Amino acid sequence: MNYQVVSAAEFTYPDIKEYKSSSREINLCSARGSYAGCHILLDGLRSPEI
């Protein structure tokens, strides 16, 4: 399984595999009383058997 962390401010699409803000680490910063977020994209997962 491959993964990458992408900034929540960057739009993500199912057909794109690489992004400018891509990283292997999560670095979240936010002001007090607000929310921080990111996208964690997973690739190479097995499909569930039906």
Protein backbone atom coordinates (compact mmCIF):
# COMPACT_ATOMS: atom_id res chain seq x y z
CA MET A 1 0.00 0.00 0.00
CA ASN A 2 1.31 3.42 -0.94
CA TYR A 3 0.23 6.62 0.75
CA GLN A 4 0.86 10.34 0.50
CA VAL A 5 -0.29 13.32 2.52
CA VAL A 6 -1.63 16.28 0.54
CA SER A 7 -2.55 19.75 1.78
CA ALA A 8 -6.26 20.24 2.44
CA ALA A 9 -6.03 23.42 0.35
CA GLU A 10 -5.13 21.43 -2.78
CA PHE A 11 -7.90 19.84 -4.85
CA THR A 12 -7.49 16.07 -5.28
CA TYR A 13 -8.72 13.94 -8.16
CA PRO A 14 -8.98 10.14 -8.51
CA ASP A 15 -6.96 10.04 -11.75
CA ILE A 16 -3.98 12.09 -10.48
CA LYS A 17 -1.29 10.27 -8.48
CA GLU A 18 1.18 13.08 -7.63
CA TYR A 19 0.67 16.54 -6.13
CA LYS A 20 2.90 19.55 -5.43
CA SER A 21 2.14 19.50 -1.70
CA SER A 22 2.65 15.73 -1.43
CA SER A 23 4.65 14.46 1.55
CA ARG A 24 5.10 11.33 3.66
CA GLU A 25 4.58 13.31 6.90
CA ILE A 26 1.63 15.23 8.32
CA ASN A 27 2.42 18.77 9.46
CA LEU A 28 -0.70 20.53 10.77
CA CYS A 29 -0.77 24.16 11.92
CA SER A 30 -3.86 26.11 12.91
CA ALA A 31 -4.98 29.05 15.00
CA ARG A 32 -6.43 28.43 18.45
CA GLY A 33 -10.07 27.41 18.28
CA SER A 34 -9.94 26.47 14.58
CA TYR A 35 -9.55 23.22 12.65
CA ALA A 36 -6.62 21.78 10.73
CA GLY A 37 -6.97 19.23 7.97
CA CYS A 38 -5.18 17.25 5.28
CA HIS A 39 -5.91 14.57 2.68
CA ILE A 40 -4.36 11.12 3.07
CA LEU A 41 -4.42 9.35 -0.29
CA LEU A 42 -4.05 5.56 -0.37
CA ASP A 43 -3.05 3.59 -3.47
CA GLY A 44 -2.49 -0.09 -4.14
CA LEU A 45 -5.25 -1.41 -1.87
CA ARG A 46 -6.82 -4.72 -2.71
CA SER A 47 -10.47 -4.65 -3.80
CA PRO A 48 -12.84 -6.42 -1.44
CA GLU A 49 -14.18 -9.72 -2.76
CA ILE A 50 -17.92 -9.78 -3.30
